[in-house]
Amino acid sequence: MLVLGRNYGQEIIMTVGDETIIVKTIEMTGRQVKLGITASQNVRIDRKEIHDAIMETGFNPEANTVKPTVIRIGERLPGELMRRKPQ
């Protein structure tokens, strides 16, 4: 692991292939640091806990596999009996 110290307003620049990622210290309050990250839209940036959840569940928010949940009045809902068929 590379460990770098930065003061307020200083930047770290990373280059991966053709992509350049710039990380800048925006604010430091006590033990909390706010970072500003500049990268192209091709670079996915997640907090670690979000990344871990994606890896664990296999959920890919970019896949756009969410189906609309439109239920017409009278249609069968999971666990319920159909009361009446839609007209």
PDB file of N, CA and C in Angstrom:
ATOM      1  N   MET A   1       0.837  -1.173   0.000  1.00  0.00           N
ATOM      2  CA  MET A   1       0.000   0.000   0.000  1.00  0.00           C
ATOM      3  C   MET A   1       0.883   1.236   0.000  1.00  0.00           C
ATOM      4  N   LEU A   2       0.599   2.139  -0.893  1.00  0.00           N
ATOM      5  CA  LEU A   2       1.292   3.424  -0.939  1.00  0.00           C
ATOM      6  C   LEU A   2       0.563   4.388  -0.018  1.00  0.00           C
ATOM      7  N   VAL A   3       1.271   5.017   0.887  1.00  0.00           N
ATOM      8  CA  VAL A   3       0.671   5.972   1.813  1.00  0.00           C
ATOM      9  C   VAL A   3       1.251   7.347   1.504  1.00  0.00           C
ATOM     10  N   LEU A   4       0.361   8.283   1.200  1.00  0.00           N
ATOM     11  CA  LEU A   4       0.779   9.650   0.878  1.00  0.00           C
ATOM     12  C   LEU A   4       0.116  10.613   1.850  1.00  0.00           C
ATOM     13  N   GLY A   5       0.853  11.573   2.308  1.00  0.00           N
ATOM     14  CA  GLY A   5       0.288  12.628   3.144  1.00  0.00           C
ATOM     15  C   GLY A   5       0.006  13.852   2.276  1.00  0.00           C
ATOM     16  N   ARG A   6      -1.133  14.466   2.474  1.00  0.00           N
ATOM     17  CA  ARG A   6      -1.499  15.652   1.715  1.00  0.00           C
ATOM     18  C   ARG A   6      -2.045  16.700   2.664  1.00  0.00           C
ATOM     19  N   ASN A   7      -1.764  17.941   2.403  1.00  0.00           N
ATOM     20  CA  ASN A   7      -2.339  19.051   3.146  1.00  0.00           C
ATOM     21  C   ASN A   7      -3.601  19.523   2.443  1.00  0.00           C
ATOM     22  N   TYR A   8      -4.353  20.386   3.116  1.00  0.00           N
ATOM     23  CA  TYR A   8      -5.574  20.948   2.547  1.00  0.00           C
ATOM     24  C   TYR A   8      -5.302  21.548   1.164  1.00  0.00           C
ATOM     25  N   GLY A   9      -6.127  21.170   0.185  1.00  0.00           N
ATOM     26  CA  GLY A   9      -6.021  21.724  -1.161  1.00  0.00           C
ATOM     27  C   GLY A   9      -5.032  21.024  -2.072  1.00  0.00           C
ATOM     28  N   GLN A  10      -4.234  20.109  -1.533  1.00  0.00           N
ATOM     29  CA  GLN A  10      -3.263  19.404  -2.367  1.00  0.00           C
ATOM     30  C   GLN A  10      -3.919  18.215  -3.063  1.00  0.00           C
ATOM     31  N   GLU A  11      -3.304  17.786  -4.157  1.00  0.00           N
ATOM     32  CA  GLU A  11      -3.891  16.746  -5.003  1.00  0.00           C
ATOM     33  C   GLU A  11      -2.961  15.543  -5.142  1.00  0.00           C
ATOM     34  N   ILE A  12      -3.596  14.424  -5.502  1.00  0.00           N
ATOM     35  CA  ILE A  12      -2.894  13.215  -5.915  1.00  0.00           C
ATOM     36  C   ILE A  12      -3.420  12.883  -7.294  1.00  0.00           C
ATOM     37  N   ILE A  13      -2.540  12.574  -8.237  1.00  0.00           N
ATOM     38  CA  ILE A  13      -2.951  12.246  -9.604  1.00  0.00           C
ATOM     39  C   ILE A  13      -2.578  10.801  -9.893  1.00  0.00           C
ATOM     40  N   MET A  14      -3.578  10.045 -10.373  1.00  0.00           N
ATOM     41  CA  MET A  14      -3.370   8.643 -10.744  1.00  0.00           C
ATOM     42  C   MET A  14      -3.690   8.489 -12.215  1.00  0.00           C
ATOM     43  N   THR A  15      -2.899   7.716 -12.911  1.00  0.00           N
ATOM     44  CA  THR A  15      -3.149   7.427 -14.319  1.00  0.00           C
ATOM     45  C   THR A  15      -3.274   5.927 -14.472  1.00  0.00           C
ATOM     46  N   VAL A  16      -4.409   5.500 -15.043  1.00  0.00           N
ATOM     47  CA  VAL A  16      -4.663   4.082 -15.296  1.00  0.00           C
ATOM     48  C   VAL A  16      -5.031   3.970 -16.770  1.00  0.00           C
ATOM     49  N   GLY A  17      -4.131   3.401 -17.568  1.00  0.00           N
ATOM     50  CA  GLY A  17      -4.368   3.358 -19.013  1.00  0.00           C
ATOM     51  C   GLY A  17      -4.451   4.770 -19.557  1.00  0.00           C
ATOM     52  N   ASP A  18      -5.567   5.077 -20.216  1.00  0.00           N
ATOM     53  CA  ASP A  18      -5.778   6.421 -20.759  1.00  0.00           C
ATOM     54  C   ASP A  18      -6.512   7.329 -19.788  1.00  0.00           C
ATOM     55  N   GLU A  19      -6.890   6.803 -18.636  1.00  0.00           N
ATOM     56  CA  GLU A  19      -7.685   7.567 -17.674  1.00  0.00           C
ATOM     57  C   GLU A  19      -6.796   8.251 -16.641  1.00  0.00           C
ATOM     58  N   THR A  20      -7.139   9.488 -16.318  1.00  0.00           N
ATOM     59  CA  THR A  20      -6.465  10.235 -15.264  1.00  0.00           C
ATOM     60  C   THR A  20      -7.475  10.523 -14.170  1.00  0.00           C
ATOM     61  N   ILE A  21      -7.100  10.226 -12.938  1.00  0.00           N
ATOM     62  CA  ILE A  21      -7.963  10.445 -11.784  1.00  0.00           C
ATOM     63  C   ILE A  21      -7.231  11.401 -10.851  1.00  0.00           C
ATOM     64  N   ILE A  22      -7.914  12.464 -10.468  1.00  0.00           N
ATOM     65  CA  ILE A  22      -7.328  13.457  -9.567  1.00  0.00           C
ATOM     66  C   ILE A  22      -8.114  13.437  -8.256  1.00  0.00           C
ATOM     67  N   VAL A  23      -7.405  13.269  -7.154  1.00  0.00           N
ATOM     68  CA  VAL A  23      -8.023  13.279  -5.826  1.00  0.00           C
ATOM     69  C   VAL A  23      -7.471  14.488  -5.080  1.00  0.00           C
ATOM     70  N   LYS A  24      -8.393  15.330  -4.591  1.00  0.00           N
ATOM     71  CA  LYS A  24      -7.995  16.567  -3.921  1.00  0.00           C
ATOM     72  C   LYS A  24      -8.608  16.625  -2.534  1.00  0.00           C
ATOM     73  N   THR A  25      -7.807  17.039  -1.545  1.00  0.00           N
ATOM     74  CA  THR A  25      -8.360  17.233  -0.205  1.00  0.00           C
ATOM     75  C   THR A  25      -9.159  18.524  -0.207  1.00  0.00           C
ATOM     76  N   ILE A  26     -10.448  18.405   0.109  1.00  0.00           N
ATOM     77  CA  ILE A  26     -11.357  19.547   0.068  1.00  0.00           C
ATOM     78  C   ILE A  26     -11.557  20.147   1.459  1.00  0.00           C
ATOM     79  N   GLU A  27     -11.676  19.257   2.455  1.00  0.00           N
ATOM     80  CA  GLU A  27     -11.939  19.728   3.815  1.00  0.00           C
ATOM     81  C   GLU A  27     -11.402  18.714   4.814  1.00  0.00           C
ATOM     82  N   MET A  28     -10.848  19.205   5.903  1.00  0.00           N
ATOM     83  CA  MET A  28     -10.379  18.324   6.963  1.00  0.00           C
ATOM     84  C   MET A  28     -10.934  18.846   8.280  1.00  0.00           C
ATOM     85  N   THR A  29     -11.726  17.988   8.939  1.00  0.00           N
ATOM     86  CA  THR A  29     -12.324  18.354  10.219  1.00  0.00           C
ATOM     87  C   THR A  29     -12.074  17.224  11.200  1.00  0.00           C
ATOM     88  N   GLY A  30     -11.226  17.445  12.179  1.00  0.00           N
ATOM     89  CA  GLY A  30     -10.908  16.390  13.137  1.00  0.00           C
ATOM     90  C   GLY A  30     -10.336  15.177  12.423  1.00  0.00           C
ATOM     91  N   ARG A  31     -11.023  14.038  12.573  1.00  0.00           N
ATOM     92  CA  ARG A  31     -10.560  12.791  11.938  1.00  0.00           C
ATOM     93  C   ARG A  31     -11.217  12.548  10.590  1.00  0.00           C
ATOM     94  N   GLN A  32     -12.059  13.460  10.137  1.00  0.00           N
ATOM     95  CA  GLN A  32     -12.759  13.271   8.859  1.00  0.00           C
ATOM     96  C   GLN A  32     -12.107  14.119   7.771  1.00  0.00           C
ATOM     97  N   VAL A  33     -11.982  13.507   6.589  1.00  0.00           N
ATOM     98  CA  VAL A  33     -11.411  14.187   5.431  1.00  0.00           C
ATOM     99  C   VAL A  33     -12.411  14.105   4.292  1.00  0.00           C
ATOM    100  N   LYS A  34     -12.706  15.235   3.656  1.00  0.00           N
ATOM    101  CA  LYS A  34     -13.549  15.227   2.456  1.00  0.00           C
ATOM    102  C   LYS A  34     -12.637  15.323   1.250  1.00  0.00           C
ATOM    103  N   LEU A  35     -12.870  14.409   0.293  1.00  0.00           N
ATOM    104  CA  LEU A  35     -12.055  14.353  -0.915  1.00  0.00           C
ATOM    105  C   LEU A  35     -12.897  14.749  -2.121  1.00  0.00           C
ATOM    106  N   GLY A  36     -12.289  15.462  -3.030  1.00  0.00           N
ATOM    107  CA  GLY A  36     -12.906  15.734  -4.327  1.00  0.00           C
ATOM    108  C   GLY A  36     -12.204  14.858  -5.351  1.00  0.00           C
ATOM    109  N   ILE A  37     -12.994  14.182  -6.183  1.00  0.00           N
ATOM    110  CA  ILE A  37     -12.415  13.269  -7.172  1.00  0.00           C
ATOM    111  C   ILE A  37     -12.838  13.718  -8.556  1.00  0.00           C
ATOM    112  N   THR A  38     -11.860  13.909  -9.428  1.00  0.00           N
ATOM    113  CA  THR A  38     -12.121  14.273 -10.814  1.00  0.00           C
ATOM    114  C   THR A  38     -11.696  13.112 -11.700  1.00  0.00           C
ATOM    115  N   ALA A  39     -12.649  12.603 -12.475  1.00  0.00           N
ATOM    116  CA  ALA A  39     -12.367  11.492 -13.383  1.00  0.00           C
ATOM    117  C   ALA A  39     -13.410  11.521 -14.491  1.00  0.00           C
ATOM    118  N   SER A  40     -13.111  10.853 -15.593  1.00  0.00           N
ATOM    119  CA  SER A  40     -14.087  10.797 -16.685  1.00  0.00           C
ATOM    120  C   SER A  40     -15.267   9.928 -16.264  1.00  0.00           C
ATOM    121  N   GLN A  41     -16.362  10.007 -17.001  1.00  0.00           N
ATOM    122  CA  GLN A  41     -17.547   9.221 -16.683  1.00  0.00           C
ATOM    123  C   GLN A  41     -17.306   7.726 -16.878  1.00  0.00           C
ATOM    124  N   ASN A  42     -16.231   7.355 -17.556  1.00  0.00           N
ATOM    125  CA  ASN A  42     -15.898   5.940 -17.746  1.00  0.00           C
ATOM    126  C   ASN A  42     -15.385   5.295 -16.473  1.00  0.00           C
ATOM    127  N   VAL A  43     -14.962   6.101 -15.518  1.00  0.00           N
ATOM    128  CA  VAL A  43     -14.381   5.594 -14.276  1.00  0.00           C
ATOM    129  C   VAL A  43     -15.462   5.509 -13.218  1.00  0.00           C
ATOM    130  N   ARG A  44     -15.694   4.315 -12.713  1.00  0.00           N
ATOM    131  CA  ARG A  44     -16.687   4.115 -11.662  1.00  0.00           C
ATOM    132  C   ARG A  44     -16.022   4.383 -10.316  1.00  0.00           C
ATOM    133  N   ILE A  45     -16.665   5.202  -9.490  1.00  0.00           N
ATOM    134  CA  ILE A  45     -16.126   5.549  -8.180  1.00  0.00           C
ATOM    135  C   ILE A  45     -17.192   5.234  -7.138  1.00  0.00           C
ATOM    136  N   ASP A  46     -16.881   4.361  -6.197  1.00  0.00           N
ATOM    137  CA  ASP A  46     -17.797   3.988  -5.128  1.00  0.00           C
ATOM    138  C   ASP A  46     -17.076   4.079  -3.795  1.00  0.00           C
ATOM    139  N   ARG A  47     -17.856   4.317  -2.724  1.00  0.00           N
ATOM    140  CA  ARG A  47     -17.310   4.140  -1.382  1.00  0.00           C
ATOM    141  C   ARG A  47     -17.074   2.643  -1.189  1.00  0.00           C
ATOM    142  N   LYS A  48     -16.153   2.286  -0.318  1.00  0.00           N
ATOM    143  CA  LYS A  48     -15.801   0.872  -0.134  1.00  0.00           C
ATOM    144  C   LYS A  48     -17.002   0.027   0.256  1.00  0.00           C
ATOM    145  N   GLU A  49     -17.851   0.531   1.165  1.00  0.00           N
ATOM    146  CA  GLU A  49     -18.987  -0.285   1.600  1.00  0.00           C
ATOM    147  C   GLU A  49     -19.980  -0.531   0.459  1.00  0.00           C
ATOM    148  N   ILE A  50     -20.105   0.415  -0.458  1.00  0.00           N
ATOM    149  CA  ILE A  50     -20.970   0.232  -1.628  1.00  0.00           C
ATOM    150  C   ILE A  50     -20.328  -0.781  -2.576  1.00  0.00           C
ATOM    151  N   HIS A  51     -19.045  -0.635  -2.808  1.00  0.00           N
ATOM    152  CA  HIS A  51     -18.318  -1.571  -3.670  1.00  0.00           C
ATOM    153  C   HIS A  51     -18.417  -3.002  -3.139  1.00  0.00           C
ATOM    154  N   ASP A  52     -18.215  -3.159  -1.826  1.00  0.00           N
ATOM    155  CA  ASP A  52     -18.298  -4.489  -1.221  1.00  0.00           C
ATOM    156  C   ASP A  52     -19.691  -5.090  -1.382  1.00  0.00           C
ATOM    157  N   ALA A  53     -20.736  -4.272  -1.207  1.00  0.00           N
ATOM    158  CA  ALA A  53     -22.108  -4.762  -1.364  1.00  0.00           C
ATOM    159  C   ALA A  53     -22.369  -5.197  -2.798  1.00  0.00           C
ATOM    160  N   ILE A  54     -21.851  -4.450  -3.768  1.00  0.00           N
ATOM    161  CA  ILE A  54     -22.021  -4.811  -5.179  1.00  0.00           C
ATOM    162  C   ILE A  54     -21.311  -6.131  -5.460  1.00  0.00           C
ATOM    163  N   MET A  55     -20.100  -6.295  -4.937  1.00  0.00           N
ATOM    164  CA  MET A  55     -19.350  -7.524  -5.159  1.00  0.00           C
ATOM    165  C   MET A  55     -20.030  -8.714  -4.484  1.00  0.00           C
ATOM    166  N   GLU A  56     -20.593  -8.489  -3.307  1.00  0.00           N
ATOM    167  CA  GLU A  56     -21.230  -9.569  -2.550  1.00  0.00           C
ATOM    168  C   GLU A  56     -22.543 -10.026  -3.194  1.00  0.00           C
ATOM    169  N   THR A  57     -23.340  -9.083  -3.660  1.00  0.00           N
ATOM    170  CA  THR A  57     -24.660  -9.421  -4.198  1.00  0.00           C
ATOM    171  C   THR A  57     -24.643  -9.648  -5.699  1.00  0.00           C
ATOM    172  N   GLY A  58     -23.621  -9.143  -6.374  1.00  0.00           N
ATOM    173  CA  GLY A  58     -23.581  -9.251  -7.826  1.00  0.00           C
ATOM    174  C   GLY A  58     -24.474  -8.228  -8.501  1.00  0.00           C
ATOM    175  N   PHE A  59     -25.060  -7.314  -7.727  1.00  0.00           N
ATOM    176  CA  PHE A  59     -25.937  -6.285  -8.281  1.00  0.00           C
ATOM    177  C   PHE A  59     -25.110  -5.284  -9.067  1.00  0.00           C
ATOM    178  N   ASN A  60     -25.536  -5.009 -10.288  1.00  0.00           N
ATOM    179  CA  ASN A  60     -24.847  -4.040 -11.130  1.00  0.00           C
ATOM    180  C   ASN A  60     -25.814  -2.909 -11.442  1.00  0.00           C
ATOM    181  N   PRO A  61     -25.690  -1.767 -10.760  1.00  0.00           N
ATOM    182  CA  PRO A  61     -26.636  -0.677 -10.980  1.00  0.00           C
ATOM    183  C   PRO A  61     -26.584  -0.113 -12.394  1.00  0.00           C
ATOM    184  N   GLU A  62     -25.491  -0.369 -13.117  1.00  0.00           N
ATOM    185  CA  GLU A  62     -25.392   0.146 -14.476  1.00  0.00           C
ATOM    186  C   GLU A  62     -26.092  -0.748 -15.489  1.00  0.00           C
ATOM    187  N   ALA A  63     -26.503  -1.955 -15.076  1.00  0.00           N
ATOM    188  CA  ALA A  63     -27.136  -2.892 -15.992  1.00  0.00           C
ATOM    189  C   ALA A  63     -28.558  -2.469 -16.358  1.00  0.00           C
ATOM    190  N   ASN A  64     -29.170  -1.614 -15.545  1.00  0.00           N
ATOM    191  CA  ASN A  64     -30.514  -1.101 -15.797  1.00  0.00           C
ATOM    192  C   ASN A  64     -31.508  -2.245 -16.010  1.00  0.00           C
ATOM    193  N   THR A  65     -31.459  -3.227 -15.118  1.00  0.00           N
ATOM    194  CA  THR A  65     -32.347  -4.383 -15.234  1.00  0.00           C
ATOM    195  C   THR A  65     -33.616  -4.217 -14.405  1.00  0.00           C
ATOM    196  N   VAL A  66     -33.822  -3.046 -13.849  1.00  0.00           N
ATOM    197  CA  VAL A  66     -34.991  -2.817 -13.012  1.00  0.00           C
ATOM    198  C   VAL A  66     -36.230  -2.755 -13.897  1.00  0.00           C
ATOM    199  N   LYS A  67     -37.200  -3.592 -13.572  1.00  0.00           N
ATOM    200  CA  LYS A  67     -38.438  -3.607 -14.327  1.00  0.00           C
ATOM    201  C   LYS A  67     -39.444  -2.718 -13.611  1.00  0.00           C
ATOM    202  N   PRO A  68     -40.253  -2.006 -14.362  1.00  0.00           N
ATOM    203  CA  PRO A  68     -41.235  -1.144 -13.702  1.00  0.00           C
ATOM    204  C   PRO A  68     -42.234  -1.982 -12.912  1.00  0.00           C
ATOM    205  N   THR A  69     -42.608  -1.496 -11.749  1.00  0.00           N
ATOM    206  CA  THR A  69     -43.559  -2.213 -10.911  1.00  0.00           C
ATOM    207  C   THR A  69     -44.911  -1.521 -10.981  1.00  0.00           C
ATOM    208  N   VAL A  70     -45.551  -1.666 -12.120  1.00  0.00           N
ATOM    209  CA  VAL A  70     -46.878  -1.100 -12.314  1.00  0.00           C
ATOM    210  C   VAL A  70     -47.881  -2.214 -12.103  1.00  0.00           C
ATOM    211  N   ILE A  71     -48.788  -2.011 -11.176  1.00  0.00           N
ATOM    212  CA  ILE A  71     -49.804  -3.014 -10.896  1.00  0.00           C
ATOM    213  C   ILE A  71     -51.161  -2.371 -11.143  1.00  0.00           C
ATOM    214  N   ARG A  72     -51.934  -3.003 -11.996  1.00  0.00           N
ATOM    215  CA  ARG A  72     -53.275  -2.496 -12.277  1.00  0.00           C
ATOM    216  C   ARG A  72     -54.219  -2.957 -11.171  1.00  0.00           C
ATOM    217  N   ILE A  73     -55.229  -2.161 -10.935  1.00  0.00           N
ATOM    218  CA  ILE A  73     -56.230  -2.522  -9.932  1.00  0.00           C
ATOM    219  C   ILE A  73     -56.837  -3.863 -10.318  1.00  0.00           C
ATOM    220  N   GLY A  74     -56.871  -4.783  -9.385  1.00  0.00           N
ATOM    221  CA  GLY A  74     -57.454  -6.089  -9.618  1.00  0.00           C
ATOM    222  C   GLY A  74     -56.448  -7.149 -10.015  1.00  0.00           C
ATOM    223  N   GLU A  75     -55.223  -6.758 -10.358  1.00  0.00           N
ATOM    224  CA  GLU A  75     -54.221  -7.767 -10.692  1.00  0.00           C
ATOM    225  C   GLU A  75     -53.764  -8.463  -9.426  1.00  0.00           C
ATOM    226  N   ARG A  76     -53.245  -9.629  -9.594  1.00  0.00           N
ATOM    227  CA  ARG A  76     -52.800 -10.423  -8.463  1.00  0.00           C
ATOM    228  C   ARG A  76     -51.487  -9.877  -7.908  1.00  0.00           C
ATOM    229  N   LEU A  77     -51.456  -9.650  -6.629  1.00  0.00           N
ATOM    230  CA  LEU A  77     -50.243  -9.236  -5.944  1.00  0.00           C
ATOM    231  C   LEU A  77     -49.623 -10.474  -5.310  1.00  0.00           C
ATOM    232  N   PRO A  78     -48.318 -10.506  -5.158  1.00  0.00           N
ATOM    233  CA  PRO A  78     -47.690 -11.666  -4.531  1.00  0.00           C
ATOM    234  C   PRO A  78     -48.301 -11.951  -3.163  1.00  0.00           C
ATOM    235  N   GLY A  79     -48.707 -13.195  -2.956  1.00  0.00           N
ATOM    236  CA  GLY A  79     -49.271 -13.594  -1.664  1.00  0.00           C
ATOM    237  C   GLY A  79     -50.733 -13.257  -1.494  1.00  0.00           C
ATOM    238  N   GLU A  80     -51.365 -12.658  -2.487  1.00  0.00           N
ATOM    239  CA  GLU A  80     -52.784 -12.303  -2.387  1.00  0.00           C
ATOM    240  C   GLU A  80     -53.587 -13.077  -3.426  1.00  0.00           C
ATOM    241  N   LEU A  81     -54.853 -13.226  -3.164  1.00  0.00           N
ATOM    242  CA  LEU A  81     -55.745 -13.861  -4.117  1.00  0.00           C
ATOM    243  C   LEU A  81     -56.228 -12.820  -5.115  1.00  0.00           C
ATOM    244  N   MET A  82     -56.450 -13.253  -6.338  1.00  0.00           N
ATOM    245  CA  MET A  82     -56.981 -12.339  -7.336  1.00  0.00           C
ATOM    246  C   MET A  82     -58.452 -12.096  -7.029  1.00  0.00           C
ATOM    247  N   ARG A  83     -58.787 -10.873  -6.862  1.00  0.00           N
ATOM    248  CA  ARG A  83     -60.167 -10.538  -6.544  1.00  0.00           C
ATOM    249  C   ARG A  83     -61.005 -10.407  -7.811  1.00  0.00           C
ATOM    250  N   ARG A  84     -60.424  -9.784  -8.804  1.00  0.00           N
ATOM    251  CA  ARG A  84     -61.146  -9.542 -10.023  1.00  0.00           C
ATOM    252  C   ARG A  84     -60.155  -9.336 -11.155  1.00  0.00           C
ATOM    253  N   LYS A  85     -60.435  -9.836 -12.325  1.00  0.00           N
ATOM    254  CA  LYS A  85     -59.535  -9.640 -13.453  1.00  0.00           C
ATOM    255  C   LYS A  85     -59.682  -8.224 -13.985  1.00  0.00           C
ATOM    256  N   PRO A  86     -58.560  -7.607 -14.432  1.00  0.00           N
ATOM    257  CA  PRO A  86     -58.666  -6.260 -14.998  1.00  0.00           C
ATOM    258  C   PRO A  86     -59.479  -6.263 -16.276  1.00  0.00           C
ATOM    259  N   GLN A  87     -60.200  -5.205 -16.506  1.00  0.00           N
ATOM    260  CA  GLN A  87     -61.050  -5.079 -17.705  1.00  0.00           C
ATOM    261  C   GLN A  87     -60.226  -4.751 -18.916  1.00  0.00           C
TER     262      GLN A  87
END
